[in-house]
Protein backbone atom coordinates (compact mmCIF):
# COMPACT_ATOMS: atom_id res chain seq x y z
CA MET A 1 0.00 0.00 0.00
CA ARG A 2 2.81 2.43 0.86
CA MET A 3 4.38 1.96 -2.58
CA ILE A 4 1.01 2.41 -4.32
CA ILE A 5 0.34 5.71 -2.54
CA LYS A 6 3.86 7.03 -3.06
CA GLN A 7 3.74 6.31 -6.79
CA TYR A 8 0.30 7.90 -6.89
CA LEU A 9 1.56 11.07 -5.19
CA SER A 10 4.58 11.37 -7.46
CA GLY A 11 2.21 11.30 -10.44
CA LEU A 12 0.16 14.24 -9.20
CA LYS A 13 1.76 16.86 -11.40
CA GLU A 14 -1.18 18.86 -12.64
CA ARG A 15 -3.00 21.65 -10.86
CA GLY A 16 -6.26 20.40 -9.44
CA GLU A 17 -4.83 17.07 -8.29
CA LEU A 18 -2.43 17.18 -5.33
CA ASP A 19 -3.99 20.42 -4.10
CA ARG A 20 -7.33 18.62 -3.84
CA ILE A 21 -5.90 15.79 -1.77
CA ILE A 22 -4.28 18.02 0.87
CA PRO A 23 -7.55 19.59 2.18
CA GLU A 24 -9.05 16.10 2.60
CA LEU A 25 -5.96 14.95 4.48
CA LEU A 26 -5.92 18.01 6.75
CA SER A 27 -9.60 17.57 7.58
CA SER A 28 -9.01 13.94 8.52
CA MET A 29 -6.17 15.09 10.79
CA GLY A 30 -8.60 17.25 12.72
CA LEU A 31 -7.63 20.64 11.31
CA THR A 32 -10.15 23.23 10.18
CA VAL A 33 -9.63 24.04 6.50
CA LEU A 34 -10.13 27.74 5.80
CA SER A 35 -9.57 27.86 2.08
CA LYS A 36 -9.04 25.52 -0.85
CA PRO A 37 -7.43 26.10 -4.25
CA LYS A 38 -9.43 28.29 -6.60
CA ILE A 39 -9.02 28.95 -10.28
CA GLY A 40 -9.16 32.55 -11.50
CA THR A 41 -8.75 34.05 -8.04
CA ARG A 42 -5.47 35.43 -6.64
CA GLN A 43 -4.47 33.51 -3.55
CA TYR A 44 -1.14 35.23 -2.88
CA GLY A 45 0.83 32.01 -2.78
CA VAL A 46 -1.49 30.06 -0.46
CA ASP A 47 -3.13 27.02 -2.03
CA VAL A 48 -4.63 25.73 1.21
CA ALA A 49 -5.02 27.42 4.61
CA ALA A 50 -5.93 25.54 7.79
CA HIS A 51 -5.60 25.89 11.53
CA GLY A 52 -5.42 23.41 14.40
CA ARG A 53 -2.95 21.06 16.02
CA ILE A 54 -0.66 18.60 14.27
CA GLY A 55 0.94 15.84 16.29
CA GLY A 56 0.07 17.31 19.69
CA ASP A 57 1.72 20.65 18.87
CA THR A 58 0.20 23.98 19.86
CA HIS A 59 -2.65 25.54 17.89
CA LYS A 60 -1.17 27.06 14.72
CA LEU A 61 -2.14 28.53 11.37
CA TYR A 62 -0.82 26.44 8.45
CA LEU A 63 -0.36 27.99 5.00
CA PHE A 64 0.37 25.47 2.23
CA SER A 65 2.04 26.24 -1.07
CA ILE A 66 1.67 23.11 -3.21
CA LYS A 67 3.70 21.94 -6.21
CA GLY A 68 3.10 18.65 -7.99
CA GLY A 69 5.93 16.24 -8.73
CA ASP A 70 9.56 16.95 -7.82
CA LEU A 71 10.80 20.42 -6.90
CA ASP A 72 13.65 21.31 -9.28
CA ARG A 73 15.36 24.55 -10.33
CA ASN A 74 12.61 25.50 -12.73
CA THR A 75 9.72 25.00 -10.29
CA TRP A 76 11.69 26.53 -7.42
CA ASP A 77 12.85 29.78 -8.99
CA GLY A 78 12.07 29.71 -12.71
CA ASN A 79 10.62 32.49 -14.82
CA SER A 80 7.05 31.34 -14.26
CA LEU A 81 4.83 33.19 -11.80
CA GLN A 82 3.97 29.73 -10.48
CA ALA A 83 7.53 29.16 -9.19
CA LEU A 84 7.52 28.14 -5.54
CA ARG A 85 9.87 30.89 -4.35
CA THR A 86 7.58 33.52 -5.84
CA SER A 87 4.63 31.95 -4.03
CA LEU A 88 6.51 31.93 -0.71
CA ASP A 89 7.41 35.60 -1.13
CA GLU A 90 3.75 36.44 -1.78
CA ILE A 91 2.71 34.56 1.34
CA ARG A 92 5.09 36.61 3.50
CA ASP A 93 4.63 39.97 1.75
CA VAL A 94 0.89 39.91 1.07
CA TYR A 95 -1.15 37.02 2.45
CA ILE A 96 0.12 37.21 6.04
CA GLN A 97 -0.25 41.00 6.03
CA ILE A 98 -3.84 41.30 4.76
CA ASN A 99 -5.60 37.91 4.36
CA ILE A 100 -5.52 36.29 7.79
CA PRO A 101 -8.90 36.49 9.60
CA PRO A 102 -8.77 38.75 12.70
CA GLU A 103 -9.58 35.90 15.10
CA LEU A 104 -6.53 33.93 13.89
CA GLN A 105 -3.96 36.72 13.67
CA ASN A 106 -2.34 35.87 17.01
CA LEU A 107 -1.65 32.26 16.09
CA PRO A 108 1.89 31.11 15.22
CA ILE A 109 2.21 30.75 11.44
CA VAL A 110 3.66 27.72 9.66
CA ILE A 111 4.41 28.02 5.95
CA CYS A 112 4.37 24.51 4.52
CA ILE A 113 6.32 23.67 1.37
CA CYS A 114 4.34 20.75 -0.06
CA VAL A 115 5.55 18.69 -3.04
CA GLY A 116 4.19 15.42 -4.39
CA GLY A 117 7.65 14.04 -5.11
CA GLU A 118 11.04 15.14 -3.69
CA ILE A 119 13.12 18.29 -3.35
CA VAL A 120 15.93 17.47 -5.78
CA GLU A 121 19.52 17.81 -4.58
CA SER A 122 20.32 20.73 -6.91
CA VAL A 123 17.88 23.04 -5.07
CA ARG A 124 18.10 21.60 -1.55
CA SER A 125 20.62 24.26 -0.45
CA ASN A 126 18.45 27.02 -1.97
CA VAL A 127 15.39 25.88 -0.05
CA THR A 128 17.32 25.47 3.20
CA GLY A 129 18.88 28.93 2.81
CA TYR A 130 15.50 30.52 2.08
CA ILE A 131 13.97 28.99 5.20
CA LYS A 132 16.91 30.06 7.37
CA ASN A 133 16.72 33.66 6.14
CA ASN A 134 12.95 34.06 6.55
CA GLN A 135 11.91 32.18 9.67
CA ASN A 136 11.44 34.14 12.89
CA ASN A 137 9.58 33.99 16.19
CA THR A 138 6.22 34.27 14.42
CA ILE A 139 6.80 32.41 11.17
CA SER A 140 8.27 28.92 10.82
CA PHE A 141 8.53 26.52 7.88
CA MET A 142 7.64 22.89 7.36
CA GLU A 143 8.27 20.52 4.44
CA TRP A 144 5.92 17.85 3.18
CA ASN A 145 7.13 15.55 0.41
CA GLY A 146 5.85 12.32 -1.10
CA ASP A 147 7.13 10.21 1.77
CA SER A 148 5.66 12.35 4.54
CA ILE A 149 2.31 12.70 2.78
CA THR A 150 2.23 8.92 2.25
CA ASN A 151 2.79 8.33 5.96
CA LEU A 152 0.04 10.78 6.89
CA MET A 153 -2.42 9.25 4.40
CA ILE A 154 -1.80 5.77 5.76
CA ARG A 155 -2.16 7.00 9.33
CA TYR A 156 -5.21 9.22 8.95
CA LEU A 157 -7.00 8.03 5.80
CA LEU A 158 -6.05 4.43 5.12
CA ASN A 159 -5.10 2.98 8.47
CA GLU A 160 -6.09 -0.64 8.92
CA HIS A 161 -8.09 -0.01 12.11
CA ALA A 162 -10.45 2.41 10.37
CA LEU A 163 -11.17 0.27 7.30
CA PRO A 164 -12.63 -3.15 6.53
CA PRO A 165 -9.94 -5.86 6.39
CA ASN A 166 -10.28 -6.39 2.64
CA TYR A 167 -10.12 -2.68 1.77
CA GLN A 168 -6.47 -2.64 0.72
CA SER A 169 -6.87 -5.96 -1.07
CA ASN A 170 -9.78 -4.66 -3.15
CA LEU A 171 -7.86 -1.50 -4.05
CA ARG A 172 -4.78 -3.48 -5.13
CA LYS A 173 -6.93 -5.83 -7.23
CA SER A 174 -8.75 -2.90 -8.82
CA ILE A 175 -5.46 -1.29 -9.82
CA ALA A 176 -3.93 -4.56 -10.99
CA MET A 177 -6.88 -5.24 -13.32
CA ILE A 178 -7.15 -1.83 -14.98
CA SER A 179 -6.55 -3.47 -18.36
CA HIS A 180 -9.72 -5.49 -17.65
CA PRO A 181 -12.10 -2.66 -16.67
CA GLU A 182 -15.05 -4.87 -15.70
CA VAL A 183 -12.93 -6.80 -13.19
CA SER A 184 -11.24 -3.62 -11.95
CA THR A 185 -14.59 -1.91 -11.44
CA LYS A 186 -16.02 -4.96 -9.67
CA ASN A 187 -13.23 -4.86 -7.08
CA TYR A 188 -13.58 -1.10 -6.67
CA ASN A 189 -17.32 -1.50 -6.14
CA LEU A 190 -16.67 -4.07 -3.42
CA LEU A 191 -14.30 -1.59 -1.81
CA ILE A 192 -16.79 1.27 -1.55
CA ASP A 193 -19.65 -1.08 -0.63
CA ASN A 194 -17.53 -2.36 2.26
CA LEU A 195 -16.78 1.19 3.33
CA ILE A 196 -20.47 2.08 3.41
CA ASP A 197 -21.47 -1.17 5.12
CA ASN A 198 -18.96 -0.48 7.88
CA THR A 199 -20.20 3.07 8.46
CA LYS A 200 -22.83 4.10 10.99
CA LEU A 201 -24.91 6.21 8.64
CA SER A 202 -26.63 7.91 11.56
CA VAL A 203 -23.28 9.37 12.68
CA LYS A 204 -22.52 12.24 10.31
CA LYS A 205 -18.82 12.41 11.16
CA GLN A 206 -18.43 8.77 10.18
CA VAL A 207 -20.18 9.45 6.88
CA VAL A 208 -17.78 12.34 6.19
CA LYS A 209 -14.80 10.08 6.96
CA THR A 210 -16.12 7.38 4.64
CA ILE A 211 -16.56 9.88 1.82
CA ARG A 212 -12.96 11.03 2.28
CA GLU A 213 -11.76 7.43 2.03
CA MET A 214 -13.82 6.93 -1.12
CA ASN A 215 -12.34 10.13 -2.53
CA ILE A 216 -8.77 9.01 -1.92
CA SER A 217 -9.47 5.55 -3.35
CA LEU A 218 -10.97 7.01 -6.52
CA TRP A 219 -8.01 9.40 -6.87
CA ILE A 220 -5.55 6.52 -6.66
CA LEU A 221 -7.46 4.48 -9.25
CA PHE A 222 -7.74 7.49 -11.58
CA ILE A 223 -4.02 8.29 -11.51
CA TRP A 224 -3.12 4.69 -12.30
CA CYS A 225 -5.71 4.56 -15.10
CA ARG A 226 -4.42 7.81 -16.54
CA ASP A 227 -0.81 6.67 -16.45
CA LEU A 228 -1.77 3.40 -18.16
CA ARG A 229 -3.87 5.36 -20.71
CA ASN A 230 -6.99 3.34 -19.99
CA LEU A 231 -9.64 5.45 -18.28
CA GLU A 232 -12.53 3.00 -18.53
CA ALA A 233 -12.34 1.67 -14.97
CA ALA A 234 -11.89 5.16 -13.53
CA TYR A 235 -14.89 6.46 -15.49
CA LEU A 236 -17.22 3.69 -14.29
CA ALA A 237 -15.88 3.99 -10.74
CA SER A 238 -16.45 7.76 -10.72
CA GLU A 239 -20.09 7.29 -11.77
CA ARG A 240 -20.76 4.77 -9.05
CA THR A 241 -18.96 6.83 -6.41
CA LEU A 242 -20.89 9.97 -7.30
CA LEU A 243 -24.21 8.12 -7.09
CA LYS A 244 -23.34 6.35 -3.84
CA VAL A 245 -22.21 9.57 -2.20
CA TRP A 246 -25.27 11.48 -3.38
CA ASP A 247 -27.44 8.73 -1.93
CA LEU A 248 -25.62 9.19 1.39
CA VAL A 249 -25.83 12.99 1.55
CA LYS A 250 -29.03 13.91 -0.31
CA GLU A 251 -31.12 14.31 2.84
CA ASP A 252 -28.74 16.87 4.40
CA ILE A 253 -26.79 18.52 1.60
CA ASP A 254 -26.16 21.62 3.76
CA TYR A 255 -24.09 19.58 6.22
CA PHE A 256 -22.41 17.32 3.66
CA GLY A 257 -21.97 19.94 0.93
CA SER A 258 -18.18 20.12 1.18
CA SER A 259 -17.82 16.33 1.23
CA PHE A 260 -20.04 15.91 -1.82
CA ASP A 261 -18.21 18.72 -3.61
CA SER A 262 -14.88 16.89 -3.29
CA ILE A 263 -16.36 13.79 -4.94
CA PHE A 264 -18.22 15.80 -7.55
CA ARG A 265 -15.12 17.75 -8.62
CA LEU A 266 -13.16 14.51 -8.97
CA TYR A 267 -15.99 12.97 -11.00
CA MET A 268 -15.96 15.98 -13.33
CA LEU A 269 -12.16 15.84 -13.68
CA ILE A 270 -12.29 12.15 -14.64
CA THR A 271 -15.16 12.53 -17.09
CA ASP A 272 -13.65 15.70 -18.59
CA THR A 273 -10.37 13.86 -19.10
CA TYR A 274 -12.21 10.96 -20.71
CA VAL A 275 -14.12 13.15 -23.16
CA ASP A 276 -11.07 15.31 -23.96
CA LYS A 277 -9.04 12.20 -24.75
CA LEU A 278 -11.56 10.98 -27.36
CA SER A 279 -12.88 14.25 -28.80
CA PRO A 280 -10.11 14.65 -31.45
CA PHE A 281 -11.39 11.48 -33.13
CA PHE A 282 -15.06 12.39 -33.34
CA ASP A 283 -14.80 14.20 -36.69
CA SER A 284 -13.00 11.38 -38.55
CA LYS A 285 -15.04 8.85 -40.50
CA PHE A 286 -15.23 5.51 -38.68
CA SER A 287 -12.27 6.45 -36.44
CA ILE A 288 -14.12 5.48 -33.26
CA SER A 289 -15.87 2.34 -34.49
CA GLU A 290 -12.76 1.04 -36.27
CA SER A 291 -10.63 1.58 -33.17
CA ILE A 292 -12.65 -1.09 -31.33
CA VAL A 293 -10.65 -4.29 -31.61
CA SER A 294 -13.37 -6.76 -32.53
CA GLY A 295 -14.74 -8.36 -35.63
CA ASN A 296 -18.21 -8.52 -34.12
CA SER A 297 -20.56 -5.63 -34.79
CA VAL A 298 -22.22 -6.29 -31.41
CA ASP A 299 -19.03 -5.18 -29.64
CA ILE A 300 -18.80 -2.08 -31.80
CA SER A 301 -22.45 -1.17 -31.23
CA ILE A 302 -22.19 -1.58 -27.45
CA ARG A 303 -19.01 0.49 -27.17
CA VAL A 304 -20.02 3.31 -29.51
CA PHE A 305 -23.48 3.72 -27.97
CA SER A 306 -21.86 3.77 -24.54
CA LEU A 307 -19.44 6.48 -25.63
CA ALA A 308 -22.24 8.58 -27.16
CA SER A 309 -24.27 8.32 -23.95
CA ARG A 310 -21.27 9.47 -21.89
CA LEU A 311 -20.90 12.50 -24.10
CA ALA A 312 -24.62 13.19 -23.69
CA VAL A 313 -24.34 13.08 -19.89
CA HIS A 314 -21.37 15.44 -20.13
CA ILE A 315 -23.52 17.87 -22.11
CA TRP A 316 -26.30 17.67 -19.49
CA TRP A 317 -23.82 18.75 -16.82
CA LEU A 318 -22.89 21.76 -18.96
CA ILE A 319 -26.60 22.60 -19.36
CA THR A 320 -26.99 22.29 -15.58
CA PHE A 321 -24.04 24.66 -15.00
CA TYR A 322 -25.52 27.05 -17.59
CA ASN A 323 -28.63 27.37 -15.42
CA ILE A 324 -26.86 27.45 -12.06
CA TYR A 325 -24.24 30.07 -12.93
CA PRO A 326 -25.89 32.93 -14.87
CA ASP A 327 -22.72 35.05 -14.80
CA ASN A 328 -20.87 32.41 -16.83
CA GLN A 329 -23.65 31.46 -19.24
CA LYS A 330 -21.71 32.64 -22.28
CA ASP A 331 -18.79 30.33 -21.52
CA PHE A 332 -21.03 27.37 -20.73
CA LEU A 333 -23.09 27.97 -23.86
CA GLN A 334 -19.92 27.80 -25.94
CA CYS A 335 -18.97 24.51 -24.28
CA ILE A 336 -22.49 23.14 -24.83
CA ASN A 337 -22.32 23.99 -28.52
CA GLU A 338 -18.86 22.47 -28.91
CA ARG A 339 -19.77 19.21 -27.19
CA THR A 340 -23.09 18.96 -29.03
CA GLU A 341 -21.21 19.37 -32.30
CA ASN A 342 -18.88 16.60 -31.10
CA LEU A 343 -21.88 14.33 -30.58
CA GLU A 344 -23.30 15.16 -33.99
CA GLU A 345 -19.91 14.42 -35.58
CA LEU A 346 -19.73 11.13 -33.69
CA ILE A 347 -23.14 10.11 -35.06
CA ARG A 348 -22.38 11.21 -38.63
CA ASN A 349 -19.04 9.41 -38.73
CA ASN A 350 -20.23 6.22 -37.04
CA PRO A 351 -23.47 5.15 -38.74
CA ILE A 352 -23.84 2.23 -36.34
CA LEU A 353 -25.32 4.80 -33.92
CA ALA A 354 -28.38 4.88 -36.17
CA SER A 355 -28.85 1.12 -35.83
CA PRO A 356 -29.41 0.08 -32.21
CA LEU A 357 -29.34 -3.70 -31.80
CA SER A 358 -31.06 -4.21 -28.47
CA GLU A 359 -33.86 -2.62 -26.52
CA LYS A 360 -31.31 -2.42 -23.72
CA GLN A 361 -29.76 0.44 -25.69
CA ALA A 362 -32.92 2.50 -25.16
CA SER A 363 -31.12 3.95 -22.14
CA GLU A 364 -28.26 5.35 -24.23
CA LEU A 365 -30.59 6.39 -27.02
CA SER A 366 -32.80 8.35 -24.60
CA LEU A 367 -29.75 10.29 -23.39
CA ILE A 368 -28.51 10.96 -26.92
CA LEU A 369 -31.89 12.23 -28.12
CA SER A 370 -32.36 14.44 -25.07
CA VAL A 371 -29.33 16.62 -25.83
CA LEU A 372 -29.80 16.68 -29.60
CA CYS A 373 -32.88 18.82 -28.99
CA SER A 374 -30.57 21.84 -29.25
CA ASN A 375 -30.40 21.32 -33.02
CA LYS A 376 -33.78 20.47 -34.51
CA VAL A 377 -32.37 20.01 -38.01
CA PHE A 378 -29.89 17.37 -36.95
CA LEU A 379 -32.37 15.76 -34.54
CA LYS A 380 -34.82 15.28 -37.40
CA GLU A 381 -32.11 13.77 -39.63
CA TYR A 382 -31.10 11.38 -36.86
CA LEU A 383 -34.67 10.29 -36.11
CA GLU A 384 -35.28 9.71 -39.82
CA SER A 385 -32.14 7.61 -40.07
CA LEU A 386 -33.08 5.58 -36.98
CA THR A 387 -36.54 4.94 -38.39
CA ASP A 388 -35.52 4.09 -41.95
CA ARG A 389 -32.70 1.77 -40.88
CA ALA A 390 -34.87 -0.09 -38.37
CA ILE A 391 -37.68 -0.63 -40.88
CA PHE A 392 -35.25 -1.72 -43.62
CA ALA A 393 -33.45 -4.12 -41.26
CA PHE A 394 -36.73 -5.66 -40.12
CA ASN A 395 -38.05 -6.11 -43.65
CA SER A 396 -34.68 -7.49 -44.87
CA ASN A 397 -34.20 -9.75 -41.85
CA LEU A 398 -30.98 -8.02 -40.84
CA ARG A 399 -30.06 -6.97 -37.30
CA TYR A 400 -33.20 -5.04 -36.38
CA PRO A 401 -33.81 -3.83 -32.78
CA CYS A 402 -34.83 -6.75 -30.60
CA SER A 403 -35.59 -7.53 -26.97
CA LEU A 404 -32.63 -9.91 -26.65
CA TYR A 405 -30.02 -8.84 -24.10
CA THR A 406 -27.20 -11.38 -23.84
CA TYR A 407 -24.07 -11.04 -25.97
CA GLN A 408 -24.46 -14.48 -27.51
CA ASP A 409 -28.13 -13.96 -28.40
CA LEU A 410 -27.35 -10.60 -30.00
CA SER A 411 -24.45 -12.13 -31.95
CA ASP A 412 -26.77 -14.83 -33.35
CA HIS A 413 -29.67 -12.45 -34.06
CA PRO A 414 -31.61 -12.85 -36.30
CA ILE A 415 -31.64 -16.63 -36.23
CA ASN A 416 -34.18 -16.83 -39.03
CA SER A 417 -36.94 -14.86 -40.74
CA ASP A 418 -39.71 -16.94 -39.22
CA LYS A 419 -42.70 -14.82 -38.20
CA GLN A 420 -42.93 -16.51 -34.81
CA TYR A 421 -39.26 -15.69 -34.07
CA LYS A 422 -39.76 -12.08 -35.10
CA MET A 423 -42.79 -11.74 -32.86
CA LYS A 424 -40.89 -13.25 -29.95
CA VAL A 425 -37.88 -10.90 -30.15
CA THR A 426 -40.01 -7.79 -30.78
CA ASP A 427 -42.58 -8.42 -28.07
CA ALA A 428 -41.86 -5.06 -26.38
CA SER A 429 -40.10 -1.86 -27.36
CA MET A 430 -38.91 1.42 -25.88
CA ILE A 431 -36.80 2.42 -28.89
CA TYR A 432 -39.71 2.97 -31.28
CA PRO A 433 -41.76 4.86 -28.66
CA LEU A 434 -38.76 7.14 -28.02
CA ILE A 435 -38.54 7.95 -31.71
CA ALA A 436 -42.30 8.57 -31.80
CA PHE A 437 -42.21 10.75 -28.67
CA TYR A 438 -39.46 13.05 -29.93
CA SER A 439 -41.08 13.20 -33.37
CA ALA A 440 -44.33 14.29 -31.73
CA LEU A 441 -42.55 16.74 -29.44
CA PHE A 442 -40.95 18.58 -32.37
CA SER A 443 -43.75 18.04 -34.89
CA PHE A 444 -41.70 15.82 -37.21
CA ASP A 445 -44.91 14.45 -38.69
CA ASN A 446 -43.31 12.44 -41.51
CA VAL A 447 -41.12 10.50 -39.04
CA TYR A 448 -44.05 9.92 -36.71
CA ASP A 449 -46.20 8.67 -39.59
CA LYS A 450 -43.54 6.11 -40.57
CA ILE A 451 -43.36 4.74 -37.05
CA TYR A 452 -47.17 4.69 -36.80
CA LYS A 453 -47.53 2.81 -40.09
CA PHE A 454 -44.73 0.35 -39.25
CA ARG A 455 -46.16 -0.30 -35.80
CA HIS A 456 -49.65 -1.12 -37.09
CA GLU A 457 -48.52 -3.11 -40.13
CA LYS A 458 -45.60 -5.13 -38.72
CA LEU A 459 -45.52 -4.65 -34.93
CA SER A 460 -49.15 -4.86 -33.87
CA HIS A 461 -48.09 -7.53 -31.35
CA CYS A 462 -45.42 -5.29 -29.81
CA SER A 463 -45.97 -3.56 -26.47
CA PHE A 464 -44.94 0.09 -26.89
CA GLN A 465 -43.59 1.48 -23.63
CA LEU A 466 -41.99 4.49 -22.04
CA TRP A 467 -40.42 4.20 -18.59
CA THR A 468 -40.62 6.12 -15.35
CA PRO A 469 -39.67 5.36 -11.75
CA ASN A 470 -42.75 4.86 -9.64
CA ASN A 471 -43.62 7.14 -6.74
CA GLU A 472 -42.73 4.58 -4.07
CA SER A 473 -39.14 4.17 -5.19
CA ILE A 474 -38.32 7.31 -7.14
CA GLU A 475 -35.30 8.16 -4.94
CA GLU A 476 -33.85 4.68 -5.47
CA ILE A 477 -32.77 5.67 -8.97
CA TYR A 478 -29.36 6.64 -7.55
CA SER A 479 -28.60 3.38 -5.74
CA TYR A 480 -30.82 1.11 -7.88
CA SER A 481 -31.15 -1.09 -4.82
CA SER A 482 -34.11 -2.97 -6.28
CA ASN A 483 -36.01 -3.39 -9.51
CA PHE A 484 -38.53 -0.63 -9.71
CA GLY A 485 -40.38 1.60 -12.10
CA THR A 486 -43.54 1.85 -14.12
CA ALA A 487 -44.03 1.15 -17.80
CA ILE A 488 -46.30 3.56 -19.64
CA ILE A 489 -47.88 1.14 -22.11
CA PHE A 490 -49.87 2.55 -25.00
CA ASP A 491 -51.18 1.77 -28.44
CA LEU A 492 -49.47 4.39 -30.60
CA PRO A 493 -52.19 6.87 -31.60
CA LYS A 494 -52.41 8.23 -35.11
CA ASN A 495 -52.36 11.83 -33.89
CA PRO A 496 -48.94 12.82 -32.38
CA GLN A 497 -50.66 15.22 -29.99
CA GLU A 498 -52.52 12.33 -28.42
CA LEU A 499 -49.21 10.66 -27.60
CA LEU A 500 -47.99 13.87 -25.96
CA LYS A 501 -51.19 13.98 -23.93
CA ILE A 502 -50.53 10.42 -22.69
CA VAL A 503 -47.02 11.41 -21.62
CA TYR A 504 -48.06 14.72 -20.06
CA ASP A 505 -50.94 13.14 -18.15
CA THR A 506 -48.50 10.61 -16.72
CA CYS A 507 -46.13 13.39 -15.70
CA ALA A 508 -48.98 15.19 -13.96
CA GLN A 509 -49.71 12.06 -11.91
CA LYS A 510 -46.07 11.61 -10.84
CA LEU A 511 -45.74 14.77 -8.80
CA GLU A 512 -43.10 13.26 -6.53
CA PHE A 513 -40.60 13.60 -9.37
CA GLU A 514 -40.42 17.36 -8.87
CA ASN A 515 -39.46 16.75 -5.23
CA MET A 516 -36.56 14.44 -6.05
CA SER A 517 -33.41 15.46 -4.20
CA ALA A 518 -31.44 16.05 -7.40
CA ILE A 519 -34.19 18.21 -8.92
CA LYS A 520 -34.69 20.27 -5.73
CA ASN A 521 -30.95 20.93 -5.51
CA ARG A 522 -30.78 21.94 -9.19
CA LEU A 523 -28.54 18.98 -10.00
CA GLY A 524 -30.87 17.10 -12.28
CA ALA A 525 -27.92 15.86 -14.32
CA ILE A 526 -27.27 13.35 -11.51
CA ILE A 527 -30.37 11.58 -12.81
CA THR A 528 -28.73 11.24 -16.22
CA VAL A 529 -25.67 9.70 -14.55
CA ALA A 530 -27.91 7.22 -12.71
CA CYS A 531 -29.78 6.27 -15.88
CA ARG A 532 -26.57 5.79 -17.86
CA HIS A 533 -24.83 3.81 -15.12
CA HIS A 534 -27.81 1.57 -14.31
CA GLN A 535 -28.95 1.37 -17.96
CA LEU A 536 -32.34 2.91 -17.35
CA PRO A 537 -34.10 5.17 -19.88
CA LEU A 538 -34.51 8.79 -18.84
CA PRO A 539 -37.80 9.23 -16.97
CA VAL A 540 -40.39 10.93 -19.14
CA GLN A 541 -40.82 13.59 -16.43
CA PHE A 542 -37.16 14.51 -16.75
CA VAL A 543 -37.41 14.91 -20.51
CA LYS A 544 -40.56 17.01 -20.24
CA GLN A 545 -39.27 19.21 -17.41
CA PHE A 546 -35.96 19.95 -19.08
CA TYR A 547 -37.65 20.48 -22.42
CA ASP A 548 -40.03 23.00 -20.88
CA ASN A 549 -37.51 24.79 -18.66
CA GLN A 550 -34.19 24.51 -20.44
CA VAL A 551 -34.25 23.24 -23.98
CA SER A 552 -36.87 25.84 -24.86
CA ASP A 553 -34.35 28.53 -23.84
CA SER A 554 -33.82 30.55 -27.02
CA HIS A 555 -30.05 30.35 -26.52
CA LEU A 556 -30.03 26.58 -26.11
CA ILE A 557 -32.26 25.55 -28.96
CA ASN A 558 -31.80 26.11 -32.67
CA SER A 559 -35.20 26.09 -34.28
CA ASN A 560 -33.92 26.34 -37.85
């Protein structure tokens, strides 16, 4: 474990990584954290400020200046304004003079030089000389390097007495199996499940401690995944961690806000990194689908639909931020447009996204369609392509959408063109109803008419359904602790407005949806994470509410 953590710390070279770990560590040591790193705000050399006692010492004020990796000549006293010596000078000349709260001004001050790696030999004398020349009766210095931080993390965050016995084993297995993401994720899930099971959820301080341990564990997995250039396990782990933590804190977000924020920021960093890594390939024909090492189109379909759904969730977070932060709407709108264009390019250059194989992919499709509402022209083209390809495949006995789920069944589908077989594997559908619903919503009458005609001529036996969590278990969407939900079953009406009435009447009856914790806290995008991770279609209430309140925003929707 010591070697794992030390290697992890030495890899924290980018801003936003090591400086996020330190506040969590200080909190677990019993200190009160006053400030955390901020982007775009001058901090006068101080990345983290905290006060309290360390190791039985007297009450002191600790000011941390953090540098990732090793401290060498360039990072110590280079030309960059981010050089450590410049930061230390600012702490002494500015921060200590004007930024310390009045109630803490009489405390002894410790300036902590914090590096993720080592202070290299070539600058050791410079650092020692600087400390000797600037320490006095009021100000002292302290050094934290990779070794000392490792020891503190083991003592305060990962000590064996505070964790289930198999914690370290699960973490090691998760890291060892990164090249096999499903196995890696399974071990990580066991790790966080054990943490939660061994926490008294009624004791808030224990919940906070557990969230910190989950945060550190996810950080370690992410750094290893990033270094091995395989982010799949980290992405899946970040989804599950976000949902588990939200389920823990949703009833008292005021108390747990800081703890949730630490997990949320890490989730966003991991998912941002994932999307950024793949985005350069979206605009190249077949570059994504051909990069999947498999001769089976089932593998390609599963992976590409999964990627598209992840991009859709990413866009929903940007839409959420657009509504939460009105002062930054211009910047978020630009990001929304860029990522939506990425999704459109992904669909254009990978036609397999217009040919879902299984009804299980209704979850991904519902996410994709929900964000394409910002461009009605492209949405119509995509719905037309989905419809035409599905009808052609069915009539030609090719791989049309079916209710089969297992890999082997999908690989063998269609076994034959027998009518009985076709009826069996198309006994229920959410894909066609989704196409019909969005066609009705945007008055794409020609698309709706095709689905209506196909349904009544070839799929009269098929149960058309839309999905929603039921009122008794609507909050369980985050943990998915049991099978739940309600199917809205309908015979597709000829008039699109009648379908909308069916959907809207259902929404009116499910009033509890508006009181969901994520909706009340203006974080509805958490629902999209839950649906993607648990492979559930977006609830119809979510689609309607965001269509009414957000997608109809004149800046977010292109009606051309």
